[in-house]
Amino acid sequence: MPTLSNAMLVLLITPEIIPQNHPGAYKVLEHLELPGHIAMCGPLVEFTNLRVPISRILGTPGKSTAAAVVESFMDSGALVSAAAVGNMRTVYEEALKFAKTDTRGGAQPIIHHQSVSNLLANIKMRTDASRLLVWKACDDLDKEKGWELAVEDRVFPTEMAYSKDTEFPRLLNDAVVLPLFDGGNYGIRRRQLEHIVVAADYDPWATLYQ
C-alpha cells in the first residue's frame, strides 16, 4: 500500500501534451526569480486532472518509483555539491589574491593582519572539508556503499540560499556596500577608533556606564 513517503509517479510531459487537455489542467503558478543560475527554468506548476498517455509514464505502473527518484537525486546532489565546492574554491582564490596584494592604504598587504588571515584560514578549512566530503560521497556512490554522505554533502557546502521574492537579496546587496561608503570601515572608521583608544585618559567603559 503506497504511503505519502513512497507514493510517486514520474511523467514525461512535453509541450504537445498540454493542448490535448482541458484549460487549467497544467498551470504555472510561479517562476522563481533567483539571484544566480538565471538561465535555469524550474517553475512551480500545478496539475488538475491532467491526462498523459501511458507511454509517457517513467517506471512501472502500479509500482512505486520513489526509490529510482531518490537515487537520481543522490547522483545529482553530489554533482551540485561539487559545483558548490568549485564556487568556494574560486572565492578563496580571489580573496587570497586580494589579501596578498592590497594594502588598503597600509604599509603591507592585509593578509599580514591577524583578523584577515584568520578569516582566510576559516574559508580554507571549510572548503577543504567540503571538498573531501564531496569526494567521499561520490566515491561511495560509485562503489554503491550508500547515500548518507551524498545527502550530507548536498547540504554542507550549499547551505546559504535565498529567492529574489524575499527581502534577503536586496539586504545582502546593501550590506556588502556598508563597509565601503561614508568613510570606509578600515580606512577611516577604525582609524578614528584607534585615535580614541590610544589616548592616555581613555576609559573603555565610559560610553556604556556613564
N, C-alpha and C. Protein backbone atom coordinates (compact mmCIF):
# COMPACT_ATOMS: atom_id res chain seq x y z
N MET A 1 0.85 -1.19 0.00
CA MET A 1 0.00 0.00 0.00
C MET A 1 0.89 1.25 0.00
N PRO A 2 0.79 2.09 -1.05
CA PRO A 2 1.65 3.28 -1.09
C PRO A 2 1.35 4.21 0.09
N THR A 3 2.39 4.81 0.61
CA THR A 3 2.26 5.80 1.65
C THR A 3 2.71 7.16 1.12
N LEU A 4 2.53 8.19 1.92
CA LEU A 4 2.94 9.52 1.48
C LEU A 4 4.44 9.59 1.23
N SER A 5 5.20 8.72 1.87
CA SER A 5 6.65 8.75 1.72
C SER A 5 7.13 8.06 0.46
N ASN A 6 6.31 7.17 -0.13
CA ASN A 6 6.79 6.46 -1.31
C ASN A 6 5.83 6.53 -2.50
N ALA A 7 4.68 7.20 -2.34
CA ALA A 7 3.74 7.32 -3.45
C ALA A 7 4.24 8.39 -4.41
N MET A 8 4.66 7.98 -5.59
CA MET A 8 5.26 8.92 -6.52
C MET A 8 5.05 8.41 -7.94
N LEU A 9 4.74 9.33 -8.84
CA LEU A 9 4.57 8.99 -10.24
C LEU A 9 5.36 10.00 -11.06
N VAL A 10 6.19 9.51 -11.96
CA VAL A 10 7.01 10.38 -12.80
C VAL A 10 6.45 10.37 -14.21
N LEU A 11 6.10 11.57 -14.70
CA LEU A 11 5.52 11.71 -16.02
C LEU A 11 6.46 12.51 -16.92
N LEU A 12 6.55 12.09 -18.15
CA LEU A 12 7.33 12.83 -19.13
C LEU A 12 6.36 13.70 -19.93
N ILE A 13 6.32 14.98 -19.61
CA ILE A 13 5.36 15.89 -20.23
C ILE A 13 6.08 16.80 -21.21
N THR A 14 5.61 16.80 -22.45
CA THR A 14 6.19 17.64 -23.49
C THR A 14 5.14 18.64 -23.96
N PRO A 15 5.55 19.72 -24.63
CA PRO A 15 4.60 20.80 -24.97
C PRO A 15 3.37 20.35 -25.74
N GLU A 16 3.48 19.31 -26.56
CA GLU A 16 2.33 18.91 -27.36
C GLU A 16 1.24 18.24 -26.53
N ILE A 17 1.57 17.78 -25.33
CA ILE A 17 0.57 17.14 -24.48
C ILE A 17 -0.36 18.15 -23.84
N ILE A 18 0.13 19.33 -23.53
CA ILE A 18 -0.65 20.33 -22.81
C ILE A 18 -1.93 20.72 -23.56
N PRO A 19 -1.88 21.04 -24.87
CA PRO A 19 -3.11 21.44 -25.57
C PRO A 19 -4.15 20.32 -25.68
N GLN A 20 -3.74 19.07 -25.49
CA GLN A 20 -4.67 17.96 -25.57
C GLN A 20 -5.55 17.83 -24.33
N ASN A 21 -5.27 18.64 -23.31
CA ASN A 21 -6.02 18.62 -22.06
C ASN A 21 -6.93 19.84 -21.97
N HIS A 22 -7.80 19.82 -20.97
CA HIS A 22 -8.71 20.95 -20.77
C HIS A 22 -7.92 22.14 -20.21
N PRO A 23 -8.42 23.35 -20.44
CA PRO A 23 -7.74 24.54 -19.90
C PRO A 23 -7.61 24.45 -18.38
N GLY A 24 -6.47 24.75 -17.90
CA GLY A 24 -6.22 24.70 -16.46
C GLY A 24 -5.68 23.38 -15.96
N ALA A 25 -5.55 22.39 -16.85
CA ALA A 25 -5.00 21.10 -16.43
C ALA A 25 -3.54 21.23 -16.04
N TYR A 26 -2.86 22.12 -16.73
CA TYR A 26 -1.45 22.38 -16.44
C TYR A 26 -1.29 23.89 -16.24
N LYS A 27 -0.90 24.27 -15.04
CA LYS A 27 -0.83 25.70 -14.73
C LYS A 27 0.50 26.01 -14.06
N VAL A 28 1.17 27.03 -14.58
CA VAL A 28 2.41 27.52 -13.96
C VAL A 28 2.02 28.52 -12.89
N LEU A 29 2.32 28.19 -11.64
CA LEU A 29 1.94 29.06 -10.53
C LEU A 29 2.97 30.16 -10.28
N GLU A 30 4.22 29.83 -10.51
CA GLU A 30 5.26 30.82 -10.18
C GLU A 30 6.56 30.48 -10.88
N HIS A 31 7.21 31.51 -11.41
CA HIS A 31 8.58 31.38 -11.89
C HIS A 31 9.49 31.95 -10.82
N LEU A 32 10.29 31.12 -10.21
CA LEU A 32 11.16 31.57 -9.13
C LEU A 32 12.27 32.45 -9.69
N GLU A 33 12.42 33.62 -9.12
CA GLU A 33 13.49 34.53 -9.51
C GLU A 33 14.63 34.38 -8.53
N LEU A 34 15.74 33.90 -9.02
CA LEU A 34 16.90 33.64 -8.19
C LEU A 34 18.04 34.59 -8.56
N PRO A 35 18.85 34.99 -7.58
CA PRO A 35 19.97 35.88 -7.88
C PRO A 35 21.01 35.24 -8.79
N GLY A 36 21.15 33.92 -8.71
CA GLY A 36 22.09 33.20 -9.56
C GLY A 36 21.38 32.14 -10.38
N HIS A 37 22.12 31.50 -11.28
CA HIS A 37 21.56 30.49 -12.18
C HIS A 37 20.32 31.04 -12.89
N ILE A 38 20.46 32.24 -13.46
CA ILE A 38 19.30 32.93 -14.02
C ILE A 38 18.78 32.27 -15.29
N ALA A 39 19.55 31.39 -15.89
CA ALA A 39 19.08 30.68 -17.09
C ALA A 39 18.27 29.44 -16.74
N MET A 40 18.23 29.09 -15.47
CA MET A 40 17.52 27.89 -15.05
C MET A 40 16.02 28.09 -15.14
N CYS A 41 15.31 27.09 -15.61
CA CYS A 41 13.84 27.13 -15.69
C CYS A 41 13.30 25.99 -14.83
N GLY A 42 12.77 26.32 -13.69
CA GLY A 42 12.20 25.32 -12.80
C GLY A 42 10.97 25.88 -12.11
N PRO A 43 9.91 26.17 -12.87
CA PRO A 43 8.74 26.83 -12.28
C PRO A 43 7.96 25.91 -11.35
N LEU A 44 7.17 26.51 -10.48
CA LEU A 44 6.25 25.78 -9.63
C LEU A 44 4.97 25.58 -10.42
N VAL A 45 4.58 24.31 -10.66
CA VAL A 45 3.43 24.01 -11.51
C VAL A 45 2.36 23.26 -10.74
N GLU A 46 1.17 23.29 -11.29
CA GLU A 46 0.03 22.60 -10.67
C GLU A 46 -0.69 21.78 -11.74
N PHE A 47 -0.97 20.51 -11.43
CA PHE A 47 -1.71 19.64 -12.32
C PHE A 47 -3.14 19.47 -11.79
N THR A 48 -4.11 19.59 -12.67
CA THR A 48 -5.50 19.37 -12.30
C THR A 48 -6.13 18.43 -13.32
N ASN A 49 -6.25 17.16 -12.96
CA ASN A 49 -6.81 16.14 -13.86
C ASN A 49 -6.09 16.12 -15.21
N LEU A 50 -4.82 16.27 -15.17
CA LEU A 50 -4.02 16.23 -16.39
C LEU A 50 -3.94 14.80 -16.90
N ARG A 51 -4.24 14.59 -18.17
CA ARG A 51 -4.20 13.26 -18.76
C ARG A 51 -2.95 13.15 -19.63
N VAL A 52 -2.20 12.07 -19.39
CA VAL A 52 -0.95 11.83 -20.09
C VAL A 52 -0.97 10.42 -20.65
N PRO A 53 -0.56 10.22 -21.89
CA PRO A 53 -0.53 8.85 -22.44
C PRO A 53 0.32 7.93 -21.57
N ILE A 54 -0.10 6.70 -21.46
CA ILE A 54 0.61 5.74 -20.61
C ILE A 54 2.05 5.54 -21.07
N SER A 55 2.30 5.81 -22.34
CA SER A 55 3.66 5.66 -22.85
C SER A 55 4.61 6.71 -22.27
N ARG A 56 4.05 7.76 -21.68
CA ARG A 56 4.86 8.82 -21.10
C ARG A 56 5.13 8.61 -19.60
N ILE A 57 4.71 7.50 -19.05
CA ILE A 57 4.98 7.20 -17.65
C ILE A 57 6.37 6.57 -17.54
N LEU A 58 7.19 7.15 -16.72
CA LEU A 58 8.52 6.60 -16.48
C LEU A 58 8.44 5.65 -15.29
N GLY A 59 8.81 4.41 -15.49
CA GLY A 59 8.70 3.43 -14.43
C GLY A 59 7.57 2.46 -14.74
N THR A 60 7.28 1.59 -13.81
CA THR A 60 6.26 0.56 -13.99
C THR A 60 4.96 0.99 -13.32
N PRO A 61 3.85 1.10 -14.08
CA PRO A 61 2.58 1.48 -13.46
C PRO A 61 2.20 0.51 -12.33
N GLY A 62 1.70 1.07 -11.23
CA GLY A 62 1.30 0.25 -10.10
C GLY A 62 2.40 0.00 -9.09
N LYS A 63 3.62 0.38 -9.44
CA LYS A 63 4.73 0.21 -8.52
C LYS A 63 5.35 1.56 -8.22
N SER A 64 5.81 1.72 -6.99
CA SER A 64 6.40 2.99 -6.58
C SER A 64 7.71 3.24 -7.32
N THR A 65 7.87 4.45 -7.78
CA THR A 65 9.13 4.83 -8.42
C THR A 65 9.96 5.71 -7.48
N ALA A 66 9.55 5.75 -6.21
CA ALA A 66 10.24 6.63 -5.26
C ALA A 66 11.72 6.30 -5.16
N ALA A 67 12.05 5.01 -5.14
CA ALA A 67 13.45 4.61 -4.98
C ALA A 67 14.30 5.13 -6.15
N ALA A 68 13.76 5.02 -7.37
CA ALA A 68 14.50 5.49 -8.54
C ALA A 68 14.70 7.00 -8.50
N VAL A 69 13.65 7.71 -8.07
CA VAL A 69 13.75 9.17 -7.98
C VAL A 69 14.76 9.56 -6.92
N VAL A 70 14.70 8.91 -5.77
CA VAL A 70 15.64 9.20 -4.69
C VAL A 70 17.07 8.95 -5.16
N GLU A 71 17.28 7.85 -5.86
CA GLU A 71 18.62 7.52 -6.34
C GLU A 71 19.13 8.56 -7.32
N SER A 72 18.25 9.03 -8.22
CA SER A 72 18.68 10.04 -9.18
C SER A 72 19.04 11.34 -8.49
N PHE A 73 18.29 11.67 -7.43
CA PHE A 73 18.60 12.89 -6.69
C PHE A 73 19.91 12.75 -5.91
N MET A 74 20.24 11.54 -5.52
CA MET A 74 21.52 11.35 -4.84
C MET A 74 22.67 11.65 -5.80
N ASP A 75 22.57 11.13 -7.02
CA ASP A 75 23.63 11.37 -8.00
C ASP A 75 23.73 12.86 -8.34
N SER A 76 22.60 13.49 -8.60
CA SER A 76 22.64 14.90 -8.98
C SER A 76 23.08 15.76 -7.80
N GLY A 77 22.71 15.35 -6.58
CA GLY A 77 23.12 16.11 -5.41
C GLY A 77 24.63 16.17 -5.27
N ALA A 78 25.27 15.06 -5.56
CA ALA A 78 26.74 15.04 -5.48
C ALA A 78 27.35 15.98 -6.51
N LEU A 79 26.75 16.06 -7.70
CA LEU A 79 27.27 16.95 -8.73
C LEU A 79 27.06 18.42 -8.36
N VAL A 80 25.89 18.73 -7.80
CA VAL A 80 25.62 20.11 -7.36
C VAL A 80 26.61 20.51 -6.27
N SER A 81 26.87 19.58 -5.37
CA SER A 81 27.82 19.87 -4.29
C SER A 81 29.22 20.10 -4.84
N ALA A 82 29.60 19.35 -5.87
CA ALA A 82 30.90 19.56 -6.49
C ALA A 82 30.98 20.96 -7.11
N ALA A 83 29.87 21.40 -7.71
CA ALA A 83 29.83 22.76 -8.26
C ALA A 83 29.95 23.80 -7.15
N ALA A 84 29.31 23.53 -6.02
CA ALA A 84 29.40 24.44 -4.87
C ALA A 84 30.83 24.55 -4.38
N VAL A 85 31.54 23.43 -4.34
CA VAL A 85 32.93 23.45 -3.92
C VAL A 85 33.77 24.24 -4.92
N GLY A 86 33.43 24.13 -6.19
CA GLY A 86 34.12 24.94 -7.19
C GLY A 86 33.94 26.43 -6.94
N ASN A 87 32.73 26.82 -6.56
CA ASN A 87 32.49 28.22 -6.21
C ASN A 87 33.30 28.63 -4.99
N MET A 88 33.33 27.74 -3.99
CA MET A 88 34.08 28.04 -2.77
C MET A 88 35.57 28.21 -3.08
N ARG A 89 36.07 27.36 -3.95
CA ARG A 89 37.49 27.44 -4.31
C ARG A 89 37.80 28.76 -5.01
N THR A 90 36.91 29.18 -5.91
CA THR A 90 37.11 30.44 -6.61
C THR A 90 37.07 31.62 -5.63
N VAL A 91 36.11 31.59 -4.71
CA VAL A 91 36.02 32.64 -3.70
C VAL A 91 37.32 32.73 -2.90
N TYR A 92 37.81 31.57 -2.47
CA TYR A 92 39.05 31.56 -1.67
C TYR A 92 40.24 32.08 -2.47
N GLU A 93 40.36 31.63 -3.71
CA GLU A 93 41.49 32.06 -4.52
C GLU A 93 41.47 33.57 -4.76
N GLU A 94 40.28 34.11 -5.03
CA GLU A 94 40.17 35.55 -5.26
C GLU A 94 40.44 36.33 -3.97
N ALA A 95 39.91 35.84 -2.85
CA ALA A 95 40.13 36.51 -1.58
C ALA A 95 41.61 36.46 -1.19
N LEU A 96 42.26 35.33 -1.42
CA LEU A 96 43.68 35.18 -1.10
C LEU A 96 44.53 36.13 -1.95
N LYS A 97 44.22 36.19 -3.23
CA LYS A 97 44.97 37.08 -4.12
C LYS A 97 44.80 38.54 -3.69
N PHE A 98 43.57 38.91 -3.35
CA PHE A 98 43.30 40.27 -2.90
C PHE A 98 44.07 40.58 -1.61
N ALA A 99 44.02 39.65 -0.67
CA ALA A 99 44.67 39.88 0.62
C ALA A 99 46.18 39.97 0.49
N LYS A 100 46.76 39.28 -0.49
CA LYS A 100 48.20 39.30 -0.67
C LYS A 100 48.71 40.51 -1.43
N THR A 101 47.80 41.19 -2.13
CA THR A 101 48.25 42.29 -3.00
C THR A 101 47.73 43.65 -2.57
N ASP A 102 46.66 43.71 -1.80
CA ASP A 102 46.06 45.00 -1.44
C ASP A 102 46.47 45.41 -0.03
N THR A 103 46.86 46.65 0.12
CA THR A 103 47.29 47.15 1.43
C THR A 103 46.21 47.94 2.14
N ARG A 104 45.14 48.31 1.41
CA ARG A 104 44.10 49.17 1.98
C ARG A 104 44.70 50.44 2.59
N GLY A 105 45.76 50.94 1.92
CA GLY A 105 46.39 52.17 2.38
C GLY A 105 47.41 51.98 3.49
N GLY A 106 47.65 50.74 3.90
CA GLY A 106 48.60 50.47 4.97
C GLY A 106 50.00 50.24 4.44
N ALA A 107 50.87 49.79 5.32
CA ALA A 107 52.27 49.60 4.94
C ALA A 107 52.53 48.24 4.32
N GLN A 108 51.63 47.30 4.50
CA GLN A 108 51.84 45.95 3.99
C GLN A 108 50.50 45.35 3.59
N PRO A 109 50.51 44.29 2.77
CA PRO A 109 49.25 43.65 2.37
C PRO A 109 48.44 43.21 3.58
N ILE A 110 47.12 43.24 3.43
CA ILE A 110 46.24 42.99 4.57
C ILE A 110 46.30 41.56 5.07
N ILE A 111 46.90 40.66 4.31
CA ILE A 111 46.99 39.27 4.78
C ILE A 111 47.85 39.18 6.04
N HIS A 112 48.68 40.19 6.27
CA HIS A 112 49.53 40.17 7.46
C HIS A 112 48.79 40.60 8.71
N HIS A 113 47.53 41.04 8.55
CA HIS A 113 46.70 41.33 9.71
C HIS A 113 46.04 40.04 10.18
N GLN A 114 46.07 39.81 11.48
CA GLN A 114 45.60 38.54 12.02
C GLN A 114 44.14 38.26 11.70
N SER A 115 43.28 39.28 11.77
CA SER A 115 41.86 39.05 11.52
C SER A 115 41.62 38.59 10.09
N VAL A 116 42.40 39.12 9.15
CA VAL A 116 42.26 38.72 7.74
C VAL A 116 42.75 37.30 7.54
N SER A 117 43.91 37.00 8.08
CA SER A 117 44.46 35.65 7.91
C SER A 117 43.59 34.61 8.61
N ASN A 118 42.98 34.99 9.75
CA ASN A 118 42.06 34.07 10.43
C ASN A 118 40.85 33.75 9.55
N LEU A 119 40.29 34.79 8.93
CA LEU A 119 39.14 34.59 8.05
C LEU A 119 39.50 33.71 6.86
N LEU A 120 40.65 33.95 6.26
CA LEU A 120 41.10 33.13 5.14
C LEU A 120 41.31 31.68 5.57
N ALA A 121 41.85 31.50 6.75
CA ALA A 121 42.05 30.14 7.26
C ALA A 121 40.73 29.42 7.45
N ASN A 122 39.73 30.13 7.97
CA ASN A 122 38.41 29.52 8.16
C ASN A 122 37.78 29.13 6.82
N ILE A 123 37.92 30.01 5.82
CA ILE A 123 37.37 29.70 4.49
C ILE A 123 38.07 28.48 3.91
N LYS A 124 39.39 28.44 4.06
CA LYS A 124 40.17 27.31 3.51
C LYS A 124 39.76 26.01 4.18
N MET A 125 39.59 26.01 5.50
CA MET A 125 39.22 24.79 6.21
C MET A 125 37.84 24.30 5.79
N ARG A 126 36.89 25.21 5.65
CA ARG A 126 35.55 24.80 5.23
C ARG A 126 35.55 24.31 3.78
N THR A 127 36.36 24.94 2.94
CA THR A 127 36.46 24.50 1.54
C THR A 127 37.07 23.10 1.47
N ASP A 128 38.15 22.87 2.22
CA ASP A 128 38.78 21.55 2.22
C ASP A 128 37.84 20.48 2.77
N ALA A 129 37.13 20.82 3.86
CA ALA A 129 36.19 19.86 4.44
C ALA A 129 35.08 19.53 3.45
N SER A 130 34.58 20.54 2.76
CA SER A 130 33.52 20.31 1.77
C SER A 130 34.03 19.48 0.61
N ARG A 131 35.24 19.78 0.14
CA ARG A 131 35.81 19.05 -0.98
C ARG A 131 36.01 17.58 -0.65
N LEU A 132 36.54 17.30 0.55
CA LEU A 132 36.76 15.91 0.95
C LEU A 132 35.43 15.17 1.14
N LEU A 133 34.42 15.87 1.66
CA LEU A 133 33.11 15.25 1.85
C LEU A 133 32.49 14.91 0.49
N VAL A 134 32.59 15.84 -0.46
CA VAL A 134 32.05 15.59 -1.80
C VAL A 134 32.79 14.42 -2.46
N TRP A 135 34.12 14.42 -2.33
CA TRP A 135 34.90 13.32 -2.94
C TRP A 135 34.48 11.97 -2.35
N LYS A 136 34.34 11.91 -1.03
CA LYS A 136 33.97 10.64 -0.38
C LYS A 136 32.54 10.25 -0.76
N ALA A 137 31.64 11.21 -0.86
CA ALA A 137 30.26 10.91 -1.23
C ALA A 137 30.20 10.34 -2.65
N CYS A 138 30.95 10.94 -3.56
CA CYS A 138 30.98 10.44 -4.94
C CYS A 138 31.62 9.06 -5.00
N ASP A 139 32.64 8.86 -4.22
CA ASP A 139 33.30 7.55 -4.18
C ASP A 139 32.34 6.49 -3.64
N ASP A 140 31.57 6.83 -2.61
CA ASP A 140 30.59 5.89 -2.07
C ASP A 140 29.51 5.55 -3.09
N LEU A 141 29.07 6.56 -3.86
CA LEU A 141 28.06 6.31 -4.88
C LEU A 141 28.61 5.39 -5.96
N ASP A 142 29.85 5.63 -6.39
CA ASP A 142 30.47 4.78 -7.40
C ASP A 142 30.59 3.34 -6.92
N LYS A 143 30.87 3.17 -5.64
CA LYS A 143 31.07 1.83 -5.09
C LYS A 143 29.80 1.27 -4.45
N GLU A 144 28.67 2.01 -4.63
CA GLU A 144 27.36 1.57 -4.11
C GLU A 144 27.42 1.27 -2.62
N LYS A 145 28.07 2.16 -1.88
CA LYS A 145 28.19 1.99 -0.44
C LYS A 145 27.06 2.67 0.34
N GLY A 146 26.21 3.39 -0.36
CA GLY A 146 25.12 4.06 0.34
C GLY A 146 25.05 5.54 -0.02
N TRP A 147 24.00 6.18 0.49
CA TRP A 147 23.70 7.56 0.11
C TRP A 147 23.88 8.56 1.24
N GLU A 148 24.27 8.11 2.40
CA GLU A 148 24.31 9.01 3.55
C GLU A 148 25.19 10.24 3.28
N LEU A 149 26.40 10.02 2.80
CA LEU A 149 27.30 11.13 2.55
C LEU A 149 26.83 11.98 1.38
N ALA A 150 26.11 11.37 0.44
CA ALA A 150 25.57 12.15 -0.68
C ALA A 150 24.55 13.16 -0.19
N VAL A 151 23.80 12.79 0.84
CA VAL A 151 22.84 13.72 1.44
C VAL A 151 23.58 14.79 2.22
N GLU A 152 24.57 14.37 3.01
CA GLU A 152 25.31 15.33 3.82
C GLU A 152 26.06 16.33 2.95
N ASP A 153 26.68 15.84 1.87
CA ASP A 153 27.48 16.76 1.05
C ASP A 153 26.60 17.67 0.21
N ARG A 154 25.32 17.29 0.02
CA ARG A 154 24.40 18.19 -0.69
C ARG A 154 24.04 19.38 0.18
N VAL A 155 24.08 19.19 1.49
CA VAL A 155 23.68 20.25 2.42
C VAL A 155 24.87 21.09 2.86
N PHE A 156 25.96 20.43 3.24
CA PHE A 156 27.06 21.12 3.92
C PHE A 156 27.65 22.29 3.12
N PRO A 157 28.03 22.13 1.84
CA PRO A 157 28.62 23.26 1.13
C PRO A 157 27.61 24.15 0.41
N THR A 158 26.30 23.90 0.61
CA THR A 158 25.30 24.65 -0.15
C THR A 158 24.22 25.21 0.77
N GLU A 159 24.57 25.56 1.99
CA GLU A 159 23.55 25.84 2.99
C GLU A 159 22.96 27.24 2.90
N MET A 160 23.59 28.15 2.16
CA MET A 160 23.07 29.50 2.05
C MET A 160 22.28 29.65 0.76
N ALA A 161 21.02 30.05 0.87
CA ALA A 161 20.19 30.20 -0.32
C ALA A 161 19.09 31.20 -0.03
N TYR A 162 18.64 31.90 -1.09
CA TYR A 162 17.52 32.81 -0.93
C TYR A 162 16.93 33.10 -2.30
N SER A 163 15.69 33.53 -2.32
CA SER A 163 14.98 33.83 -3.56
C SER A 163 14.80 35.34 -3.68
N LYS A 164 14.70 35.84 -4.90
CA LYS A 164 14.56 37.27 -5.12
C LYS A 164 13.21 37.80 -4.69
N ASP A 165 12.25 36.91 -4.41
CA ASP A 165 10.96 37.41 -3.96
C ASP A 165 10.94 37.66 -2.45
N THR A 166 12.10 37.51 -1.81
CA THR A 166 12.22 37.87 -0.40
C THR A 166 13.05 39.15 -0.30
N GLU A 167 13.20 39.65 0.90
CA GLU A 167 13.98 40.86 1.12
C GLU A 167 15.49 40.59 1.18
N PHE A 168 15.87 39.31 1.29
CA PHE A 168 17.27 39.00 1.56
C PHE A 168 18.25 39.44 0.48
N PRO A 169 17.95 39.25 -0.83
CA PRO A 169 18.93 39.69 -1.82
C PRO A 169 19.21 41.19 -1.75
N ARG A 170 18.16 41.99 -1.61
CA ARG A 170 18.37 43.43 -1.53
C ARG A 170 19.17 43.80 -0.29
N LEU A 171 18.82 43.16 0.83
CA LEU A 171 19.54 43.44 2.07
C LEU A 171 21.01 43.03 1.96
N LEU A 172 21.26 41.88 1.31
CA LEU A 172 22.64 41.42 1.15
C LEU A 172 23.42 42.38 0.26
N ASN A 173 22.80 42.81 -0.85
CA ASN A 173 23.47 43.74 -1.75
C ASN A 173 23.79 45.06 -1.05
N ASP A 174 22.87 45.51 -0.18
CA ASP A 174 23.13 46.73 0.58
C ASP A 174 24.22 46.50 1.63
N ALA A 175 24.17 45.31 2.26
CA ALA A 175 25.10 45.05 3.35
C ALA A 175 26.55 45.01 2.88
N VAL A 176 26.79 44.48 1.68
CA VAL A 176 28.18 44.37 1.22
C VAL A 176 28.77 45.73 0.87
N VAL A 177 27.92 46.74 0.72
CA VAL A 177 28.41 48.08 0.41
C VAL A 177 28.71 48.87 1.69
N LEU A 178 28.05 48.52 2.78
CA LEU A 178 28.15 49.30 4.01
C LEU A 178 29.59 49.52 4.50
N PRO A 179 30.48 48.52 4.41
CA PRO A 179 31.84 48.77 4.90
C PRO A 179 32.64 49.75 4.04
N LEU A 180 32.11 50.15 2.87
CA LEU A 180 32.89 50.91 1.92
C LEU A 180 32.53 52.40 1.85
N PHE A 181 31.25 52.73 2.05
CA PHE A 181 30.86 54.13 1.85
C PHE A 181 30.75 54.87 3.17
N ASP A 182 30.63 56.23 3.07
CA ASP A 182 30.55 57.09 4.24
C ASP A 182 31.74 56.89 5.17
N GLY A 183 32.90 56.84 4.57
CA GLY A 183 34.11 56.60 5.37
C GLY A 183 34.28 55.11 5.59
N GLY A 184 35.16 54.50 4.82
CA GLY A 184 35.33 53.05 4.90
C GLY A 184 35.65 52.58 6.30
N ASN A 185 35.16 51.39 6.62
CA ASN A 185 35.36 50.85 7.97
C ASN A 185 36.84 50.71 8.32
N TYR A 186 37.67 50.28 7.36
CA TYR A 186 39.07 50.08 7.65
C TYR A 186 39.89 51.35 7.44
N GLY A 187 39.59 52.04 6.36
CA GLY A 187 40.40 53.21 6.04
C GLY A 187 40.17 54.40 6.95
N ILE A 188 38.95 54.56 7.45
CA ILE A 188 38.62 55.75 8.25
C ILE A 188 38.07 55.39 9.61
N ARG A 189 36.99 54.62 9.67
CA ARG A 189 36.30 54.41 10.95
C ARG A 189 37.17 53.71 11.99
N ARG A 190 37.87 52.67 11.62
CA ARG A 190 38.73 52.00 12.60
C ARG A 190 39.93 52.88 12.98
N ARG A 191 40.37 53.72 12.05
CA ARG A 191 41.45 54.64 12.40
C ARG A 191 40.95 55.69 13.38
N GLN A 192 39.67 56.09 13.23
CA GLN A 192 39.11 57.02 14.20
C GLN A 192 39.06 56.39 15.59
N LEU A 193 38.64 55.13 15.65
CA LEU A 193 38.63 54.44 16.94
C LEU A 193 40.03 54.28 17.50
N GLU A 194 40.98 54.07 16.61
CA GLU A 194 42.37 53.92 17.04
C GLU A 194 42.84 55.18 17.76
N HIS A 195 42.53 56.35 17.21
CA HIS A 195 42.94 57.61 17.83
C HIS A 195 42.26 57.79 19.19
N ILE A 196 41.06 57.26 19.33
CA ILE A 196 40.34 57.39 20.60
C ILE A 196 40.96 56.51 21.67
N VAL A 197 41.22 55.25 21.32
CA VAL A 197 41.65 54.28 22.34
C VAL A 197 43.10 54.47 22.76
N VAL A 198 43.91 55.15 21.95
CA VAL A 198 45.32 55.34 22.32
C VAL A 198 45.50 56.49 23.30
N ALA A 199 44.46 57.27 23.52
CA ALA A 199 44.57 58.39 24.44
C ALA A 199 44.89 57.90 25.85
N ALA A 200 45.74 58.64 26.55
CA ALA A 200 46.18 58.22 27.88
C ALA A 200 45.04 58.14 28.88
N ASP A 201 44.03 59.00 28.73
CA ASP A 201 42.92 59.02 29.67
C ASP A 201 41.69 58.25 29.16
N TYR A 202 41.92 57.36 28.21
CA TYR A 202 40.79 56.62 27.61
C TYR A 202 40.18 55.64 28.61
N ASP A 203 38.87 55.71 28.78
CA ASP A 203 38.12 54.79 29.64
C ASP A 203 37.26 53.91 28.74
N PRO A 204 37.58 52.65 28.59
CA PRO A 204 36.86 51.81 27.63
C PRO A 204 35.38 51.61 27.95
N TRP A 205 34.97 51.83 29.20
CA TRP A 205 33.58 51.55 29.57
C TRP A 205 32.77 52.82 29.83
N ALA A 206 33.37 53.95 29.62
CA ALA A 206 32.68 55.20 29.94
C ALA A 206 31.43 55.40 29.09
N THR A 207 31.48 55.01 27.83
CA THR A 207 30.33 55.23 26.96
C THR A 207 29.16 54.33 27.32
N LEU A 208 29.42 53.26 28.04
CA LEU A 208 28.35 52.32 28.39
C LEU A 208 27.72 52.62 29.74
N TYR A 209 28.53 53.05 30.68
CA TYR A 209 28.05 53.13 32.05
C TYR A 209 27.93 54.55 32.59
N GLN A 210 28.36 55.55 31.84
CA GLN A 210 28.27 56.92 32.34
C GLN A 210 27.21 57.72 31.57
